[in-house]
Amino acid sequence: MKLRRANEKDIPQLINMRLAYLIEDHGELPEEQNNIINEQLPEYFRKHLNHDLLAYVCEDNETIVSAVFLMITERPANPNFITGLTGTLLNVYTLPQYRRRGIAGELIKMAMQDAKSMNLSYIDLNATQLGYSLYRKLGFAPVESKYVYMKYKIN
């Protein structure tokens, strides 16, 4: 098995890994949502991959079996992100038959190393129950905040 950063030729498999993650996380997607996501993803990856989105993959015989996405965001600096650069881990997903082998942990460590070399202030994520213990083991901690997370849903 080979661990590496993804490139443009991996986009079809990255899309498959994204869809597999979404189905496992949300259940089977309604056809309309599935179609919209399938239409958006190819252009998204072409535009963002290896710019403000890094993808780390493990492949077995040229098939991607695990993926981790690191989305990089630049904002005006403040005391919470003094460099103005932050990262968010997304889509940490390993095919079921490859789980419990430490693959996702190694991919996350690669992302953490790149984040450090890019001078990101921090990496955040939303942990599922399945991934929580792995993230804790790697040094991620729950965030307590005086702020309340809110959003305004447009679509």
N, C-alpha and C. Protein backbone atom coordinates (compact mmCIF):
# COMPACT_ATOMS: atom_id res chain seq x y z
N MET A 1 0.84 -1.18 0.00
CA MET A 1 0.00 0.00 0.00
C MET A 1 0.88 1.24 0.00
N LYS A 2 0.41 2.26 -0.68
CA LYS A 2 1.18 3.48 -0.87
C LYS A 2 0.39 4.66 -0.32
N LEU A 3 1.04 5.47 0.53
CA LEU A 3 0.45 6.70 1.06
C LEU A 3 1.09 7.88 0.35
N ARG A 4 0.24 8.82 -0.10
CA ARG A 4 0.76 9.95 -0.86
C ARG A 4 -0.29 11.06 -0.92
N ARG A 5 0.14 12.22 -1.44
CA ARG A 5 -0.80 13.29 -1.73
C ARG A 5 -1.44 13.02 -3.08
N ALA A 6 -2.72 13.31 -3.16
CA ALA A 6 -3.47 13.08 -4.40
C ALA A 6 -3.12 14.13 -5.45
N ASN A 7 -3.36 13.77 -6.69
CA ASN A 7 -3.17 14.70 -7.80
C ASN A 7 -4.39 14.65 -8.71
N GLU A 8 -4.33 15.40 -9.78
CA GLU A 8 -5.50 15.56 -10.65
C GLU A 8 -6.01 14.23 -11.23
N LYS A 9 -5.11 13.30 -11.50
CA LYS A 9 -5.56 12.02 -12.07
C LYS A 9 -6.40 11.21 -11.06
N ASP A 10 -6.33 11.58 -9.79
CA ASP A 10 -7.08 10.88 -8.75
C ASP A 10 -8.51 11.39 -8.58
N ILE A 11 -8.87 12.45 -9.29
CA ILE A 11 -10.17 13.08 -9.06
C ILE A 11 -11.34 12.10 -9.15
N PRO A 12 -11.43 11.23 -10.15
CA PRO A 12 -12.57 10.29 -10.16
C PRO A 12 -12.66 9.44 -8.89
N GLN A 13 -11.53 8.97 -8.40
CA GLN A 13 -11.55 8.16 -7.18
C GLN A 13 -11.82 9.01 -5.94
N LEU A 14 -11.35 10.26 -5.92
CA LEU A 14 -11.66 11.15 -4.80
C LEU A 14 -13.16 11.41 -4.73
N ILE A 15 -13.79 11.55 -5.88
CA ILE A 15 -15.24 11.72 -5.92
C ILE A 15 -15.92 10.49 -5.35
N ASN A 16 -15.46 9.31 -5.72
CA ASN A 16 -16.04 8.07 -5.19
C ASN A 16 -15.88 7.99 -3.67
N MET A 17 -14.72 8.39 -3.17
CA MET A 17 -14.49 8.36 -1.72
C MET A 17 -15.38 9.38 -1.02
N ARG A 18 -15.58 10.53 -1.63
CA ARG A 18 -16.46 11.55 -1.05
C ARG A 18 -17.89 11.02 -0.98
N LEU A 19 -18.36 10.43 -2.05
CA LEU A 19 -19.72 9.89 -2.08
C LEU A 19 -19.89 8.76 -1.07
N ALA A 20 -18.90 7.89 -0.97
CA ALA A 20 -18.97 6.79 0.01
C ALA A 20 -19.05 7.35 1.42
N TYR A 21 -18.24 8.37 1.71
CA TYR A 21 -18.28 9.01 3.02
C TYR A 21 -19.66 9.60 3.30
N LEU A 22 -20.19 10.34 2.33
CA LEU A 22 -21.49 11.00 2.52
C LEU A 22 -22.60 9.98 2.75
N ILE A 23 -22.58 8.89 2.02
CA ILE A 23 -23.61 7.86 2.19
C ILE A 23 -23.49 7.21 3.56
N GLU A 24 -22.26 6.95 4.00
CA GLU A 24 -22.09 6.36 5.33
C GLU A 24 -22.51 7.34 6.42
N ASP A 25 -22.24 8.62 6.22
CA ASP A 25 -22.55 9.63 7.23
C ASP A 25 -24.03 10.02 7.23
N HIS A 26 -24.65 10.13 6.05
CA HIS A 26 -26.02 10.63 5.94
C HIS A 26 -27.04 9.57 5.54
N GLY A 27 -26.58 8.38 5.19
CA GLY A 27 -27.49 7.38 4.64
C GLY A 27 -27.63 7.59 3.14
N GLU A 28 -28.37 6.74 2.51
CA GLU A 28 -28.57 6.85 1.06
C GLU A 28 -29.11 8.23 0.73
N LEU A 29 -28.50 8.88 -0.24
CA LEU A 29 -28.89 10.24 -0.60
C LEU A 29 -30.06 10.23 -1.58
N PRO A 30 -31.00 11.17 -1.42
CA PRO A 30 -32.07 11.29 -2.42
C PRO A 30 -31.46 11.55 -3.80
N GLU A 31 -32.11 11.08 -4.83
CA GLU A 31 -31.57 11.18 -6.18
C GLU A 31 -31.20 12.61 -6.56
N GLU A 32 -32.06 13.58 -6.21
CA GLU A 32 -31.78 14.97 -6.56
C GLU A 32 -30.49 15.47 -5.90
N GLN A 33 -30.31 15.18 -4.61
CA GLN A 33 -29.09 15.57 -3.92
C GLN A 33 -27.87 14.88 -4.53
N ASN A 34 -28.00 13.59 -4.79
CA ASN A 34 -26.92 12.82 -5.38
C ASN A 34 -26.50 13.43 -6.72
N ASN A 35 -27.47 13.80 -7.55
CA ASN A 35 -27.17 14.39 -8.85
C ASN A 35 -26.45 15.73 -8.71
N ILE A 36 -26.92 16.57 -7.80
CA ILE A 36 -26.29 17.89 -7.59
C ILE A 36 -24.85 17.71 -7.12
N ILE A 37 -24.64 16.82 -6.17
CA ILE A 37 -23.29 16.58 -5.64
C ILE A 37 -22.39 16.04 -6.75
N ASN A 38 -22.87 15.07 -7.52
CA ASN A 38 -22.08 14.50 -8.61
C ASN A 38 -21.73 15.53 -9.67
N GLU A 39 -22.61 16.49 -9.91
CA GLU A 39 -22.32 17.55 -10.89
C GLU A 39 -21.29 18.54 -10.35
N GLN A 40 -21.32 18.82 -9.05
CA GLN A 40 -20.46 19.84 -8.46
C GLN A 40 -19.03 19.35 -8.22
N LEU A 41 -18.88 18.10 -7.81
CA LEU A 41 -17.58 17.62 -7.35
C LEU A 41 -16.45 17.67 -8.39
N PRO A 42 -16.65 17.24 -9.64
CA PRO A 42 -15.51 17.27 -10.57
C PRO A 42 -14.89 18.66 -10.72
N GLU A 43 -15.72 19.67 -10.92
CA GLU A 43 -15.19 21.03 -11.07
C GLU A 43 -14.58 21.53 -9.77
N TYR A 44 -15.20 21.18 -8.63
CA TYR A 44 -14.64 21.58 -7.34
C TYR A 44 -13.21 21.06 -7.19
N PHE A 45 -13.03 19.77 -7.44
CA PHE A 45 -11.69 19.19 -7.29
C PHE A 45 -10.71 19.78 -8.30
N ARG A 46 -11.13 19.99 -9.55
CA ARG A 46 -10.23 20.59 -10.54
C ARG A 46 -9.78 21.99 -10.10
N LYS A 47 -10.69 22.73 -9.51
CA LYS A 47 -10.40 24.11 -9.10
C LYS A 47 -9.56 24.19 -7.81
N HIS A 48 -9.82 23.31 -6.85
CA HIS A 48 -9.23 23.45 -5.52
C HIS A 48 -8.11 22.48 -5.17
N LEU A 49 -8.08 21.32 -5.80
CA LEU A 49 -7.09 20.30 -5.41
C LEU A 49 -5.67 20.84 -5.57
N ASN A 50 -4.90 20.71 -4.51
CA ASN A 50 -3.52 21.16 -4.41
C ASN A 50 -3.37 22.68 -4.51
N HIS A 51 -4.45 23.37 -4.21
CA HIS A 51 -4.40 24.82 -4.03
C HIS A 51 -4.83 25.11 -2.59
N ASP A 52 -6.13 25.13 -2.34
CA ASP A 52 -6.60 25.31 -0.97
C ASP A 52 -7.27 24.04 -0.44
N LEU A 53 -7.11 22.95 -1.15
CA LEU A 53 -7.57 21.64 -0.69
C LEU A 53 -6.48 20.63 -1.00
N LEU A 54 -5.98 20.00 0.04
CA LEU A 54 -5.00 18.92 -0.13
C LEU A 54 -5.71 17.62 0.20
N ALA A 55 -5.43 16.60 -0.57
CA ALA A 55 -6.02 15.28 -0.32
C ALA A 55 -4.89 14.29 -0.15
N TYR A 56 -5.00 13.50 0.88
CA TYR A 56 -4.02 12.48 1.20
C TYR A 56 -4.70 11.13 1.00
N VAL A 57 -4.03 10.23 0.32
CA VAL A 57 -4.67 8.96 -0.02
C VAL A 57 -3.76 7.79 0.26
N CYS A 58 -4.40 6.67 0.47
CA CYS A 58 -3.72 5.38 0.54
C CYS A 58 -4.28 4.55 -0.60
N GLU A 59 -3.39 4.03 -1.42
CA GLU A 59 -3.86 3.20 -2.51
C GLU A 59 -3.32 1.79 -2.39
N ASP A 60 -4.14 0.86 -2.78
CA ASP A 60 -3.79 -0.55 -2.81
C ASP A 60 -4.02 -1.00 -4.25
N ASN A 61 -2.95 -1.37 -4.94
CA ASN A 61 -3.04 -1.76 -6.35
C ASN A 61 -3.75 -0.69 -7.19
N GLU A 62 -3.34 0.56 -7.02
CA GLU A 62 -3.85 1.72 -7.76
C GLU A 62 -5.31 2.08 -7.46
N THR A 63 -5.90 1.46 -6.44
CA THR A 63 -7.25 1.81 -6.00
C THR A 63 -7.13 2.56 -4.68
N ILE A 64 -7.72 3.74 -4.61
CA ILE A 64 -7.71 4.51 -3.37
C ILE A 64 -8.64 3.85 -2.38
N VAL A 65 -8.10 3.51 -1.20
CA VAL A 65 -8.87 2.80 -0.18
C VAL A 65 -9.10 3.66 1.06
N SER A 66 -8.41 4.80 1.13
CA SER A 66 -8.57 5.72 2.26
C SER A 66 -8.21 7.12 1.79
N ALA A 67 -8.92 8.11 2.31
CA ALA A 67 -8.65 9.50 1.93
C ALA A 67 -8.89 10.43 3.11
N VAL A 68 -8.13 11.50 3.14
CA VAL A 68 -8.25 12.57 4.13
C VAL A 68 -8.10 13.87 3.36
N PHE A 69 -9.02 14.79 3.55
CA PHE A 69 -8.95 16.10 2.90
C PHE A 69 -8.57 17.15 3.93
N LEU A 70 -7.70 18.07 3.54
CA LEU A 70 -7.33 19.21 4.36
C LEU A 70 -7.67 20.47 3.58
N MET A 71 -8.69 21.18 4.02
CA MET A 71 -9.10 22.43 3.39
C MET A 71 -8.41 23.58 4.12
N ILE A 72 -7.74 24.43 3.37
CA ILE A 72 -6.99 25.55 3.94
C ILE A 72 -7.78 26.84 3.72
N THR A 73 -7.93 27.60 4.79
CA THR A 73 -8.67 28.85 4.74
C THR A 73 -7.78 29.98 5.22
N GLU A 74 -7.81 31.10 4.49
CA GLU A 74 -7.08 32.28 4.93
C GLU A 74 -8.09 33.36 5.31
N ARG A 75 -7.90 33.93 6.49
CA ARG A 75 -8.78 34.98 7.01
C ARG A 75 -7.91 36.06 7.63
N PRO A 76 -8.51 37.19 7.97
CA PRO A 76 -7.73 38.20 8.69
C PRO A 76 -7.28 37.62 10.03
N ALA A 77 -6.02 37.79 10.36
CA ALA A 77 -5.47 37.23 11.59
C ALA A 77 -6.19 37.79 12.81
N ASN A 78 -6.25 36.97 13.84
CA ASN A 78 -6.71 37.40 15.16
C ASN A 78 -6.02 36.52 16.19
N PRO A 79 -6.20 36.74 17.47
CA PRO A 79 -5.48 35.95 18.46
C PRO A 79 -5.75 34.43 18.38
N ASN A 80 -6.87 34.03 17.83
CA ASN A 80 -7.18 32.60 17.71
C ASN A 80 -6.52 31.94 16.51
N PHE A 81 -6.18 32.71 15.50
CA PHE A 81 -5.44 32.19 14.34
C PHE A 81 -4.50 33.28 13.86
N ILE A 82 -3.40 33.38 14.58
CA ILE A 82 -2.47 34.49 14.45
C ILE A 82 -1.85 34.59 13.06
N THR A 83 -1.71 33.46 12.34
CA THR A 83 -1.14 33.51 10.99
C THR A 83 -2.20 33.83 9.94
N GLY A 84 -3.47 33.76 10.35
CA GLY A 84 -4.56 33.96 9.40
C GLY A 84 -4.90 32.70 8.62
N LEU A 85 -4.07 31.68 8.75
CA LEU A 85 -4.28 30.43 8.02
C LEU A 85 -4.75 29.33 8.97
N THR A 86 -5.82 28.66 8.57
CA THR A 86 -6.32 27.53 9.36
C THR A 86 -6.61 26.37 8.41
N GLY A 87 -6.74 25.21 8.98
CA GLY A 87 -7.07 24.02 8.20
C GLY A 87 -8.26 23.32 8.80
N THR A 88 -9.02 22.66 7.94
CA THR A 88 -10.13 21.83 8.39
C THR A 88 -9.99 20.46 7.76
N LEU A 89 -9.99 19.43 8.59
CA LEU A 89 -9.98 18.07 8.07
C LEU A 89 -11.40 17.69 7.68
N LEU A 90 -11.54 17.15 6.49
CA LEU A 90 -12.83 16.71 5.96
C LEU A 90 -12.69 15.31 5.39
N ASN A 91 -13.80 14.64 5.31
CA ASN A 91 -13.88 13.40 4.55
C ASN A 91 -12.82 12.38 4.95
N VAL A 92 -12.59 12.23 6.24
CA VAL A 92 -11.67 11.19 6.69
C VAL A 92 -12.43 9.87 6.51
N TYR A 93 -12.03 9.11 5.51
CA TYR A 93 -12.80 7.92 5.16
C TYR A 93 -11.89 6.80 4.68
N THR A 94 -12.14 5.63 5.21
CA THR A 94 -11.44 4.41 4.80
C THR A 94 -12.48 3.36 4.45
N LEU A 95 -12.27 2.68 3.34
CA LEU A 95 -13.20 1.60 2.98
C LEU A 95 -13.27 0.60 4.14
N PRO A 96 -14.46 0.07 4.42
CA PRO A 96 -14.62 -0.80 5.60
C PRO A 96 -13.62 -1.94 5.71
N GLN A 97 -13.28 -2.59 4.61
CA GLN A 97 -12.37 -3.74 4.68
C GLN A 97 -10.92 -3.34 4.97
N TYR A 98 -10.60 -2.04 4.98
CA TYR A 98 -9.25 -1.56 5.26
C TYR A 98 -9.15 -0.84 6.61
N ARG A 99 -10.22 -0.81 7.35
CA ARG A 99 -10.22 -0.10 8.63
C ARG A 99 -9.45 -0.86 9.71
N ARG A 100 -9.11 -0.12 10.75
CA ARG A 100 -8.40 -0.66 11.92
C ARG A 100 -6.99 -1.14 11.58
N ARG A 101 -6.38 -0.48 10.59
CA ARG A 101 -5.00 -0.79 10.21
C ARG A 101 -4.08 0.41 10.42
N GLY A 102 -4.63 1.52 10.91
CA GLY A 102 -3.83 2.72 11.14
C GLY A 102 -3.65 3.60 9.92
N ILE A 103 -4.34 3.31 8.84
CA ILE A 103 -4.16 4.06 7.59
C ILE A 103 -4.61 5.51 7.76
N ALA A 104 -5.83 5.72 8.25
CA ALA A 104 -6.34 7.09 8.40
C ALA A 104 -5.43 7.90 9.31
N GLY A 105 -4.94 7.30 10.38
CA GLY A 105 -4.03 7.99 11.29
C GLY A 105 -2.77 8.45 10.59
N GLU A 106 -2.21 7.61 9.74
CA GLU A 106 -1.01 7.99 9.00
C GLU A 106 -1.29 9.11 8.01
N LEU A 107 -2.44 9.07 7.35
CA LEU A 107 -2.80 10.14 6.42
C LEU A 107 -3.01 11.46 7.16
N ILE A 108 -3.65 11.38 8.32
CA ILE A 108 -3.85 12.60 9.12
C ILE A 108 -2.50 13.17 9.56
N LYS A 109 -1.58 12.31 9.94
CA LYS A 109 -0.24 12.78 10.33
C LYS A 109 0.44 13.50 9.16
N MET A 110 0.25 13.00 7.95
CA MET A 110 0.80 13.68 6.77
C MET A 110 0.20 15.08 6.65
N ALA A 111 -1.12 15.17 6.83
CA ALA A 111 -1.80 16.46 6.75
C ALA A 111 -1.29 17.39 7.86
N MET A 112 -1.11 16.86 9.04
CA MET A 112 -0.64 17.67 10.16
C MET A 112 0.77 18.21 9.88
N GLN A 113 1.62 17.37 9.29
CA GLN A 113 2.98 17.80 8.96
C GLN A 113 2.96 18.91 7.91
N ASP A 114 2.13 18.75 6.88
CA ASP A 114 2.01 19.80 5.86
C ASP A 114 1.45 21.09 6.47
N ALA A 115 0.46 20.95 7.35
CA ALA A 115 -0.12 22.14 8.00
C ALA A 115 0.94 22.89 8.78
N LYS A 116 1.80 22.16 9.45
CA LYS A 116 2.88 22.79 10.22
C LYS A 116 3.85 23.51 9.28
N SER A 117 4.21 22.87 8.17
CA SER A 117 5.16 23.50 7.25
C SER A 117 4.54 24.69 6.52
N MET A 118 3.21 24.73 6.40
CA MET A 118 2.52 25.86 5.77
C MET A 118 2.18 26.95 6.78
N ASN A 119 2.56 26.74 8.03
CA ASN A 119 2.37 27.72 9.10
C ASN A 119 0.89 27.98 9.42
N LEU A 120 0.07 26.94 9.33
CA LEU A 120 -1.33 27.08 9.74
C LEU A 120 -1.38 27.25 11.25
N SER A 121 -2.34 28.03 11.73
CA SER A 121 -2.48 28.23 13.18
C SER A 121 -3.05 27.00 13.87
N TYR A 122 -3.98 26.32 13.21
CA TYR A 122 -4.56 25.10 13.76
C TYR A 122 -5.28 24.32 12.67
N ILE A 123 -5.63 23.10 13.02
CA ILE A 123 -6.50 22.27 12.19
C ILE A 123 -7.71 21.94 13.04
N ASP A 124 -8.91 22.11 12.48
CA ASP A 124 -10.11 21.70 13.19
C ASP A 124 -10.83 20.60 12.42
N LEU A 125 -11.84 20.05 13.02
CA LEU A 125 -12.64 19.01 12.38
C LEU A 125 -13.91 18.81 13.16
N ASN A 126 -14.87 18.15 12.54
CA ASN A 126 -16.07 17.68 13.21
C ASN A 126 -15.94 16.17 13.31
N ALA A 127 -15.83 15.67 14.51
CA ALA A 127 -15.58 14.24 14.72
C ALA A 127 -16.87 13.43 14.74
N THR A 128 -16.85 12.32 14.04
CA THR A 128 -17.92 11.34 14.18
C THR A 128 -17.57 10.47 15.39
N GLN A 129 -18.54 9.73 15.86
CA GLN A 129 -18.26 8.81 16.98
C GLN A 129 -17.19 7.79 16.59
N LEU A 130 -17.23 7.35 15.34
CA LEU A 130 -16.27 6.36 14.86
C LEU A 130 -14.84 6.90 14.88
N GLY A 131 -14.65 8.18 14.57
CA GLY A 131 -13.31 8.73 14.49
C GLY A 131 -12.82 9.42 15.74
N TYR A 132 -13.70 9.65 16.70
CA TYR A 132 -13.36 10.45 17.89
C TYR A 132 -12.10 9.97 18.61
N SER A 133 -11.99 8.69 18.89
CA SER A 133 -10.83 8.20 19.64
C SER A 133 -9.54 8.36 18.85
N LEU A 134 -9.59 8.19 17.54
CA LEU A 134 -8.39 8.39 16.72
C LEU A 134 -7.94 9.84 16.80
N TYR A 135 -8.86 10.77 16.67
CA TYR A 135 -8.49 12.18 16.72
C TYR A 135 -7.91 12.55 18.08
N ARG A 136 -8.50 12.04 19.15
CA ARG A 136 -7.97 12.30 20.49
C ARG A 136 -6.55 11.76 20.61
N LYS A 137 -6.33 10.56 20.09
CA LYS A 137 -5.01 9.95 20.14
C LYS A 137 -3.97 10.79 19.39
N LEU A 138 -4.40 11.46 18.33
CA LEU A 138 -3.49 12.28 17.53
C LEU A 138 -3.30 13.69 18.10
N GLY A 139 -4.01 14.02 19.18
CA GLY A 139 -3.82 15.30 19.84
C GLY A 139 -4.93 16.31 19.64
N PHE A 140 -5.97 15.95 18.91
CA PHE A 140 -7.11 16.86 18.77
C PHE A 140 -7.90 16.87 20.07
N ALA A 141 -8.44 18.02 20.42
CA ALA A 141 -9.20 18.15 21.67
C ALA A 141 -10.53 18.84 21.38
N PRO A 142 -11.57 18.47 22.12
CA PRO A 142 -12.85 19.18 21.97
C PRO A 142 -12.65 20.67 22.27
N VAL A 143 -13.39 21.50 21.57
CA VAL A 143 -13.27 22.94 21.74
C VAL A 143 -14.44 23.45 22.57
N GLU A 144 -14.10 24.16 23.63
CA GLU A 144 -15.13 24.87 24.40
C GLU A 144 -15.01 26.33 24.00
N SER A 145 -16.13 26.96 23.78
CA SER A 145 -16.10 28.32 23.28
C SER A 145 -17.16 29.17 23.95
N LYS A 146 -16.86 30.44 24.05
CA LYS A 146 -17.88 31.37 24.55
C LYS A 146 -18.85 31.72 23.43
N TYR A 147 -18.55 31.27 22.22
CA TYR A 147 -19.40 31.52 21.07
C TYR A 147 -20.32 30.34 20.82
N VAL A 148 -21.45 30.60 20.22
CA VAL A 148 -22.40 29.55 19.85
C VAL A 148 -22.34 29.38 18.34
N TYR A 149 -22.08 28.18 17.89
CA TYR A 149 -22.03 27.89 16.45
C TYR A 149 -23.44 28.05 15.88
N MET A 150 -23.55 28.85 14.83
CA MET A 150 -24.83 29.11 14.20
C MET A 150 -24.62 29.15 12.69
N LYS A 151 -25.69 28.97 11.95
CA LYS A 151 -25.60 29.15 10.51
C LYS A 151 -26.96 29.54 9.97
N TYR A 152 -26.93 30.19 8.83
CA TYR A 152 -28.13 30.58 8.11
C TYR A 152 -28.15 29.74 6.84
N LYS A 153 -29.12 28.90 6.71
CA LYS A 153 -29.19 27.98 5.58
C LYS A 153 -29.91 28.66 4.41
N ILE A 154 -29.21 28.72 3.27
CA ILE A 154 -29.75 29.35 2.08
C ILE A 154 -30.42 28.33 1.17
N ASN A 155 -29.81 27.19 1.00
CA ASN A 155 -30.38 26.11 0.17
C ASN A 155 -30.61 24.86 0.99
